Amino acid sequence: MTLEERYRNDPWFLEFYKEKLLEPGWAGELDDVEFEYVKSELMKSPSLRRRWGFRPRAKRLSESRIRAVAMYGVSRKKK
């Protein structure tokens, strides 16, 4: 199942939800469908990877790190 299949009866909510899922710390605990969507979007966009605390050129994104950022956001360390 995909997000599109899950929310096919509510296109407005689908677009809202897809956008919000990509905000670090907003989603909380991701289910498998949400995780696959977030990971696929991260793989497409270097700027999104940067917002999620990954290097823009990263090719491998660990599942545990994606889930942690979805749950807690990205910590901003002060120098």
PDB file of N, CA and C in Angstrom:
ATOM      1  N   MET A   1       0.843  -1.175   0.000  1.00  0.00           N
ATOM      2  CA  MET A   1       0.000   0.000   0.000  1.00  0.00           C
ATOM      3  C   MET A   1       0.893   1.245   0.000  1.00  0.00           C
ATOM      4  N   THR A   2       0.426   2.285  -0.657  1.00  0.00           N
ATOM      5  CA  THR A   2       1.127   3.562  -0.685  1.00  0.00           C
ATOM      6  C   THR A   2       0.253   4.612  -0.009  1.00  0.00           C
ATOM      7  N   LEU A   3       0.836   5.778   0.223  1.00  0.00           N
ATOM      8  CA  LEU A   3       0.041   6.875   0.785  1.00  0.00           C
ATOM      9  C   LEU A   3      -1.096   7.252  -0.156  1.00  0.00           C
ATOM     10  N   GLU A   4      -0.837   7.208  -1.464  1.00  0.00           N
ATOM     11  CA  GLU A   4      -1.865   7.540  -2.436  1.00  0.00           C
ATOM     12  C   GLU A   4      -3.046   6.584  -2.336  1.00  0.00           C
ATOM     13  N   GLU A   5      -2.755   5.307  -2.171  1.00  0.00           N
ATOM     14  CA  GLU A   5      -3.826   4.317  -2.028  1.00  0.00           C
ATOM     15  C   GLU A   5      -4.567   4.505  -0.706  1.00  0.00           C
ATOM     16  N   ARG A   6      -3.827   4.782   0.334  1.00  0.00           N
ATOM     17  CA  ARG A   6      -4.412   4.929   1.662  1.00  0.00           C
ATOM     18  C   ARG A   6      -5.385   6.108   1.726  1.00  0.00           C
ATOM     19  N   TYR A   7      -5.028   7.211   1.078  1.00  0.00           N
ATOM     20  CA  TYR A   7      -5.831   8.431   1.173  1.00  0.00           C
ATOM     21  C   TYR A   7      -6.445   8.839  -0.167  1.00  0.00           C
ATOM     22  N   ARG A   8      -6.756   7.891  -1.006  1.00  0.00           N
ATOM     23  CA  ARG A   8      -7.298   8.201  -2.333  1.00  0.00           C
ATOM     24  C   ARG A   8      -8.641   8.927  -2.276  1.00  0.00           C
ATOM     25  N   ASN A   9      -9.392   8.770  -1.201  1.00  0.00           N
ATOM     26  CA  ASN A   9     -10.691   9.417  -1.077  1.00  0.00           C
ATOM     27  C   ASN A   9     -10.598  10.848  -0.546  1.00  0.00           C
ATOM     28  N   ASP A  10      -9.390  11.263  -0.169  1.00  0.00           N
ATOM     29  CA  ASP A  10      -9.224  12.614   0.368  1.00  0.00           C
ATOM     30  C   ASP A  10      -7.945  13.245  -0.184  1.00  0.00           C
ATOM     31  N   PRO A  11      -7.989  13.730  -1.431  1.00  0.00           N
ATOM     32  CA  PRO A  11      -6.774  14.269  -2.055  1.00  0.00           C
ATOM     33  C   PRO A  11      -6.197  15.478  -1.336  1.00  0.00           C
ATOM     34  N   TRP A  12      -7.032  16.313  -0.737  1.00  0.00           N
ATOM     35  CA  TRP A  12      -6.517  17.468   0.001  1.00  0.00           C
ATOM     36  C   TRP A  12      -5.677  16.996   1.182  1.00  0.00           C
ATOM     37  N   PHE A  13      -6.205  16.029   1.949  1.00  0.00           N
ATOM     38  CA  PHE A  13      -5.467  15.517   3.094  1.00  0.00           C
ATOM     39  C   PHE A  13      -4.185  14.832   2.653  1.00  0.00           C
ATOM     40  N   LEU A  14      -4.225  14.102   1.545  1.00  0.00           N
ATOM     41  CA  LEU A  14      -3.030  13.427   1.038  1.00  0.00           C
ATOM     42  C   LEU A  14      -1.917  14.434   0.779  1.00  0.00           C
ATOM     43  N   GLU A  15      -2.204  15.526   0.106  1.00  0.00           N
ATOM     44  CA  GLU A  15      -1.180  16.525  -0.181  1.00  0.00           C
ATOM     45  C   GLU A  15      -0.664  17.182   1.104  1.00  0.00           C
ATOM     46  N   PHE A  16      -1.565  17.496   2.009  1.00  0.00           N
ATOM     47  CA  PHE A  16      -1.179  18.072   3.300  1.00  0.00           C
ATOM     48  C   PHE A  16      -0.267  17.104   4.058  1.00  0.00           C
ATOM     49  N   TYR A  17      -0.671  15.841   4.128  1.00  0.00           N
ATOM     50  CA  TYR A  17       0.050  14.831   4.888  1.00  0.00           C
ATOM     51  C   TYR A  17       1.433  14.564   4.284  1.00  0.00           C
ATOM     52  N   LYS A  18       1.512  14.488   2.957  1.00  0.00           N
ATOM     53  CA  LYS A  18       2.792  14.255   2.301  1.00  0.00           C
ATOM     54  C   LYS A  18       3.768  15.386   2.618  1.00  0.00           C
ATOM     55  N   GLU A  19       3.269  16.612   2.652  1.00  0.00           N
ATOM     56  CA  GLU A  19       4.124  17.758   2.967  1.00  0.00           C
ATOM     57  C   GLU A  19       4.577  17.725   4.427  1.00  0.00           C
ATOM     58  N   LYS A  20       3.651  17.467   5.326  1.00  0.00           N
ATOM     59  CA  LYS A  20       3.971  17.464   6.757  1.00  0.00           C
ATOM     60  C   LYS A  20       4.909  16.314   7.139  1.00  0.00           C
ATOM     61  N   LEU A  21       4.768  15.156   6.489  1.00  0.00           N
ATOM     62  CA  LEU A  21       5.653  14.028   6.796  1.00  0.00           C
ATOM     63  C   LEU A  21       7.123  14.370   6.574  1.00  0.00           C
ATOM     64  N   LEU A  22       7.391  15.325   5.709  1.00  0.00           N
ATOM     65  CA  LEU A  22       8.773  15.673   5.393  1.00  0.00           C
ATOM     66  C   LEU A  22       9.364  16.710   6.337  1.00  0.00           C
ATOM     67  N   GLU A  23       8.611  17.113   7.352  1.00  0.00           N
ATOM     68  CA  GLU A  23       9.132  18.018   8.369  1.00  0.00           C
ATOM     69  C   GLU A  23       9.765  17.195   9.491  1.00  0.00           C
ATOM     70  N   PRO A  24      11.067  17.380   9.730  1.00  0.00           N
ATOM     71  CA  PRO A  24      11.720  16.628  10.806  1.00  0.00           C
ATOM     72  C   PRO A  24      11.009  16.852  12.145  1.00  0.00           C
ATOM     73  N   GLY A  25      10.709  15.755  12.822  1.00  0.00           N
ATOM     74  CA  GLY A  25      10.096  15.823  14.142  1.00  0.00           C
ATOM     75  C   GLY A  25       8.580  15.902  14.144  1.00  0.00           C
ATOM     76  N   TRP A  26       7.951  16.040  12.992  1.00  0.00           N
ATOM     77  CA  TRP A  26       6.498  16.181  12.959  1.00  0.00           C
ATOM     78  C   TRP A  26       5.779  14.835  13.019  1.00  0.00           C
ATOM     79  N   ALA A  27       6.278  13.859  12.322  1.00  0.00           N
ATOM     80  CA  ALA A  27       5.535  12.613  12.107  1.00  0.00           C
ATOM     81  C   ALA A  27       5.465  11.706  13.330  1.00  0.00           C
ATOM     82  N   GLY A  28       6.439  11.788  14.205  1.00  0.00           N
ATOM     83  CA  GLY A  28       6.463  10.833  15.304  1.00  0.00           C
ATOM     84  C   GLY A  28       6.904   9.477  14.794  1.00  0.00           C
ATOM     85  N   GLU A  29       6.290   8.432  15.281  1.00  0.00           N
ATOM     86  CA  GLU A  29       6.670   7.078  14.872  1.00  0.00           C
ATOM     87  C   GLU A  29       6.067   6.771  13.504  1.00  0.00           C
ATOM     88  N   LEU A  30       6.931   6.477  12.530  1.00  0.00           N
ATOM     89  CA  LEU A  30       6.490   6.196  11.172  1.00  0.00           C
ATOM     90  C   LEU A  30       6.048   4.746  11.027  1.00  0.00           C
ATOM     91  N   ASP A  31       4.935   4.514  10.324  1.00  0.00           N
ATOM     92  CA  ASP A  31       4.620   3.130   9.956  1.00  0.00           C
ATOM     93  C   ASP A  31       5.408   2.831   8.673  1.00  0.00           C
ATOM     94  N   ASP A  32       5.310   1.620   8.163  1.00  0.00           N
ATOM     95  CA  ASP A  32       6.127   1.221   7.016  1.00  0.00           C
ATOM     96  C   ASP A  32       5.816   2.028   5.757  1.00  0.00           C
ATOM     97  N   VAL A  33       4.559   2.339   5.516  1.00  0.00           N
ATOM     98  CA  VAL A  33       4.169   3.118   4.339  1.00  0.00           C
ATOM     99  C   VAL A  33       4.734   4.528   4.432  1.00  0.00           C
ATOM    100  N   GLU A  34       4.620   5.147   5.580  1.00  0.00           N
ATOM    101  CA  GLU A  34       5.159   6.487   5.781  1.00  0.00           C
ATOM    102  C   GLU A  34       6.681   6.492   5.641  1.00  0.00           C
ATOM    103  N   PHE A  35       7.324   5.477   6.218  1.00  0.00           N
ATOM    104  CA  PHE A  35       8.783   5.383   6.123  1.00  0.00           C
ATOM    105  C   PHE A  35       9.231   5.298   4.664  1.00  0.00           C
ATOM    106  N   GLU A  36       8.588   4.457   3.882  1.00  0.00           N
ATOM    107  CA  GLU A  36       8.972   4.299   2.473  1.00  0.00           C
ATOM    108  C   GLU A  36       8.788   5.605   1.705  1.00  0.00           C
ATOM    109  N   TYR A  37       7.732   6.339   2.002  1.00  0.00           N
ATOM    110  CA  TYR A  37       7.514   7.630   1.346  1.00  0.00           C
ATOM    111  C   TYR A  37       8.623   8.608   1.717  1.00  0.00           C
ATOM    112  N   VAL A  38       8.911   8.737   2.995  1.00  0.00           N
ATOM    113  CA  VAL A  38       9.943   9.684   3.444  1.00  0.00           C
ATOM    114  C   VAL A  38      11.297   9.307   2.852  1.00  0.00           C
ATOM    115  N   LYS A  39      11.641   8.041   2.899  1.00  0.00           N
ATOM    116  CA  LYS A  39      12.939   7.606   2.364  1.00  0.00           C
ATOM    117  C   LYS A  39      13.031   7.899   0.865  1.00  0.00           C
ATOM    118  N   SER A  40      11.965   7.617   0.116  1.00  0.00           N
ATOM    119  CA  SER A  40      12.014   7.866  -1.328  1.00  0.00           C
ATOM    120  C   SER A  40      12.183   9.362  -1.617  1.00  0.00           C
ATOM    121  N   GLU A  41      11.534  10.216  -0.842  1.00  0.00           N
ATOM    122  CA  GLU A  41      11.684  11.659  -1.031  1.00  0.00           C
ATOM    123  C   GLU A  41      13.084  12.125  -0.633  1.00  0.00           C
ATOM    124  N   LEU A  42      13.640  11.546   0.415  1.00  0.00           N
ATOM    125  CA  LEU A  42      15.007  11.892   0.818  1.00  0.00           C
ATOM    126  C   LEU A  42      16.006  11.495  -0.266  1.00  0.00           C
ATOM    127  N   MET A  43      15.785  10.367  -0.903  1.00  0.00           N
ATOM    128  CA  MET A  43      16.698   9.909  -1.949  1.00  0.00           C
ATOM    129  C   MET A  43      16.642  10.823  -3.174  1.00  0.00           C
ATOM    130  N   LYS A  44      15.526  11.493  -3.395  1.00  0.00           N
ATOM    131  CA  LYS A  44      15.364  12.367  -4.562  1.00  0.00           C
ATOM    132  C   LYS A  44      15.975  13.758  -4.361  1.00  0.00           C
ATOM    133  N   SER A  45      16.083  14.216  -3.119  1.00  0.00           N
ATOM    134  CA  SER A  45      16.384  15.626  -2.881  1.00  0.00           C
ATOM    135  C   SER A  45      17.561  15.856  -1.929  1.00  0.00           C
ATOM    136  N   PRO A  46      18.673  16.371  -2.443  1.00  0.00           N
ATOM    137  CA  PRO A  46      19.799  16.704  -1.575  1.00  0.00           C
ATOM    138  C   PRO A  46      19.454  17.767  -0.529  1.00  0.00           C
ATOM    139  N   SER A  47      18.626  18.739  -0.892  1.00  0.00           N
ATOM    140  CA  SER A  47      18.275  19.781   0.086  1.00  0.00           C
ATOM    141  C   SER A  47      17.418  19.213   1.208  1.00  0.00           C
ATOM    142  N   LEU A  48      16.541  18.264   0.888  1.00  0.00           N
ATOM    143  CA  LEU A  48      15.745  17.610   1.925  1.00  0.00           C
ATOM    144  C   LEU A  48      16.644  16.772   2.837  1.00  0.00           C
ATOM    145  N   ARG A  49      17.620  16.078   2.246  1.00  0.00           N
ATOM    146  CA  ARG A  49      18.564  15.311   3.068  1.00  0.00           C
ATOM    147  C   ARG A  49      19.279  16.241   4.045  1.00  0.00           C
ATOM    148  N   ARG A  50      19.668  17.414   3.592  1.00  0.00           N
ATOM    149  CA  ARG A  50      20.349  18.375   4.473  1.00  0.00           C
ATOM    150  C   ARG A  50      19.420  18.783   5.622  1.00  0.00           C
ATOM    151  N   ARG A  51      18.154  19.092   5.328  1.00  0.00           N
ATOM    152  CA  ARG A  51      17.203  19.475   6.383  1.00  0.00           C
ATOM    153  C   ARG A  51      17.015  18.363   7.403  1.00  0.00           C
ATOM    154  N   TRP A  52      17.175  17.123   6.960  1.00  0.00           N
ATOM    155  CA  TRP A  52      17.018  15.974   7.855  1.00  0.00           C
ATOM    156  C   TRP A  52      18.325  15.591   8.536  1.00  0.00           C
ATOM    157  N   GLY A  53      19.373  16.369   8.339  1.00  0.00           N
ATOM    158  CA  GLY A  53      20.637  16.133   9.028  1.00  0.00           C
ATOM    159  C   GLY A  53      21.568  15.164   8.332  1.00  0.00           C
ATOM    160  N   PHE A  54      21.261  14.806   7.099  1.00  0.00           N
ATOM    161  CA  PHE A  54      22.140  13.947   6.311  1.00  0.00           C
ATOM    162  C   PHE A  54      23.005  14.829   5.417  1.00  0.00           C
ATOM    163  N   ARG A  55      24.117  14.300   5.000  1.00  0.00           N
ATOM    164  CA  ARG A  55      24.922  15.009   4.017  1.00  0.00           C
ATOM    165  C   ARG A  55      24.159  15.001   2.692  1.00  0.00           C
ATOM    166  N   PRO A  56      24.198  16.107   1.954  1.00  0.00           N
ATOM    167  CA  PRO A  56      23.446  16.170   0.695  1.00  0.00           C
ATOM    168  C   PRO A  56      23.834  15.092  -0.313  1.00  0.00           C
ATOM    169  N   ARG A  57      25.075  14.664  -0.279  1.00  0.00           N
ATOM    170  CA  ARG A  57      25.520  13.627  -1.232  1.00  0.00           C
ATOM    171  C   ARG A  57      25.419  12.214  -0.686  1.00  0.00           C
ATOM    172  N   ALA A  58      24.818  12.048   0.476  1.00  0.00           N
ATOM    173  CA  ALA A  58      24.699  10.719   1.082  1.00  0.00           C
ATOM    174  C   ALA A  58      23.925   9.785   0.158  1.00  0.00           C
ATOM    175  N   LYS A  59      24.426   8.605  -0.032  1.00  0.00           N
ATOM    176  CA  LYS A  59      23.757   7.604  -0.864  1.00  0.00           C
ATOM    177  C   LYS A  59      23.006   6.587  -0.013  1.00  0.00           C
ATOM    178  N   ARG A  60      23.517   6.358   1.192  1.00  0.00           N
ATOM    179  CA  ARG A  60      22.866   5.397   2.093  1.00  0.00           C
ATOM    180  C   ARG A  60      22.279   6.155   3.279  1.00  0.00           C
ATOM    181  N   LEU A  61      21.018   5.906   3.537  1.00  0.00           N
ATOM    182  CA  LEU A  61      20.330   6.547   4.648  1.00  0.00           C
ATOM    183  C   LEU A  61      19.811   5.446   5.557  1.00  0.00           C
ATOM    184  N   SER A  62      20.282   5.427   6.796  1.00  0.00           N
ATOM    185  CA  SER A  62      19.892   4.330   7.678  1.00  0.00           C
ATOM    186  C   SER A  62      18.441   4.481   8.133  1.00  0.00           C
ATOM    187  N   GLU A  63      17.776   3.358   8.207  1.00  0.00           N
ATOM    188  CA  GLU A  63      16.386   3.353   8.643  1.00  0.00           C
ATOM    189  C   GLU A  63      16.251   3.910  10.050  1.00  0.00           C
ATOM    190  N   SER A  64      17.160   3.526  10.929  1.00  0.00           N
ATOM    191  CA  SER A  64      17.054   3.987  12.315  1.00  0.00           C
ATOM    192  C   SER A  64      17.222   5.505  12.416  1.00  0.00           C
ATOM    193  N   ARG A  65      18.097   6.066  11.611  1.00  0.00           N
ATOM    194  CA  ARG A  65      18.300   7.526  11.630  1.00  0.00           C
ATOM    195  C   ARG A  65      17.088   8.265  11.070  1.00  0.00           C
ATOM    196  N   ILE A  66      16.527   7.759   9.984  1.00  0.00           N
ATOM    197  CA  ILE A  66      15.323   8.382   9.418  1.00  0.00           C
ATOM    198  C   ILE A  66      14.201   8.358  10.441  1.00  0.00           C
ATOM    199  N   ARG A  67      14.012   7.215  11.083  1.00  0.00           N
ATOM    200  CA  ARG A  67      12.943   7.098  12.077  1.00  0.00           C
ATOM    201  C   ARG A  67      13.190   8.018  13.280  1.00  0.00           C
ATOM    202  N   ALA A  68      14.450   8.161  13.682  1.00  0.00           N
ATOM    203  CA  ALA A  68      14.779   9.040  14.816  1.00  0.00           C
ATOM    204  C   ALA A  68      14.502  10.507  14.472  1.00  0.00           C
ATOM    205  N   VAL A  69      14.849  10.926  13.267  1.00  0.00           N
ATOM    206  CA  VAL A  69      14.605  12.311  12.865  1.00  0.00           C
ATOM    207  C   VAL A  69      13.107  12.563  12.735  1.00  0.00           C
ATOM    208  N   ALA A  70      12.373  11.593  12.221  1.00  0.00           N
ATOM    209  CA  ALA A  70      10.914  11.742  12.125  1.00  0.00           C
ATOM    210  C   ALA A  70      10.295  11.891  13.516  1.00  0.00           C
ATOM    211  N   MET A  71      10.859  11.200  14.485  1.00  0.00           N
ATOM    212  CA  MET A  71      10.322  11.217  15.843  1.00  0.00           C
ATOM    213  C   MET A  71      10.753  12.465  16.618  1.00  0.00           C
ATOM    214  N   TYR A  72      12.045  12.777  16.569  1.00  0.00           N
ATOM    215  CA  TYR A  72      12.585  13.800  17.463  1.00  0.00           C
ATOM    216  C   TYR A  72      13.077  15.061  16.762  1.00  0.00           C
ATOM    217  N   GLY A  73      13.144  15.049  15.454  1.00  0.00           N
ATOM    218  CA  GLY A  73      13.683  16.195  14.730  1.00  0.00           C
ATOM    219  C   GLY A  73      15.203  16.125  14.660  1.00  0.00           C
ATOM    220  N   VAL A  74      15.795  17.197  14.192  1.00  0.00           N
ATOM    221  CA  VAL A  74      17.244  17.287  14.053  1.00  0.00           C
ATOM    222  C   VAL A  74      17.780  18.157  15.154  1.00  0.00           C
ATOM    223  N   SER A  75      18.767  17.659  15.879  1.00  0.00           N
ATOM    224  CA  SER A  75      19.358  18.490  16.926  1.00  0.00           C
ATOM    225  C   SER A  75      20.339  19.454  16.273  1.00  0.00           C
ATOM    226  N   ARG A  76      20.263  20.683  16.679  1.00  0.00           N
ATOM    227  CA  ARG A  76      21.171  21.717  16.169  1.00  0.00           C
ATOM    228  C   ARG A  76      22.200  22.002  17.249  1.00  0.00           C
ATOM    229  N   LYS A  77      23.408  21.505  17.046  1.00  0.00           N
ATOM    230  CA  LYS A  77      24.481  21.734  18.015  1.00  0.00           C
ATOM    231  C   LYS A  77      25.043  23.130  17.853  1.00  0.00           C
ATOM    232  N   LYS A  78      25.245  23.789  18.946  1.00  0.00           N
ATOM    233  CA  LYS A  78      25.854  25.117  18.902  1.00  0.00           C
ATOM    234  C   LYS A  78      27.351  24.967  18.978  1.00  0.00           C
ATOM    235  N   LYS A  79      28.061  25.754  18.178  1.00  0.00           N
ATOM    236  CA  LYS A  79      29.531  25.682  18.163  1.00  0.00           C
ATOM    237  C   LYS A  79      30.124  26.601  19.184  1.00  0.00           C
TER     238      LYS A  79
END
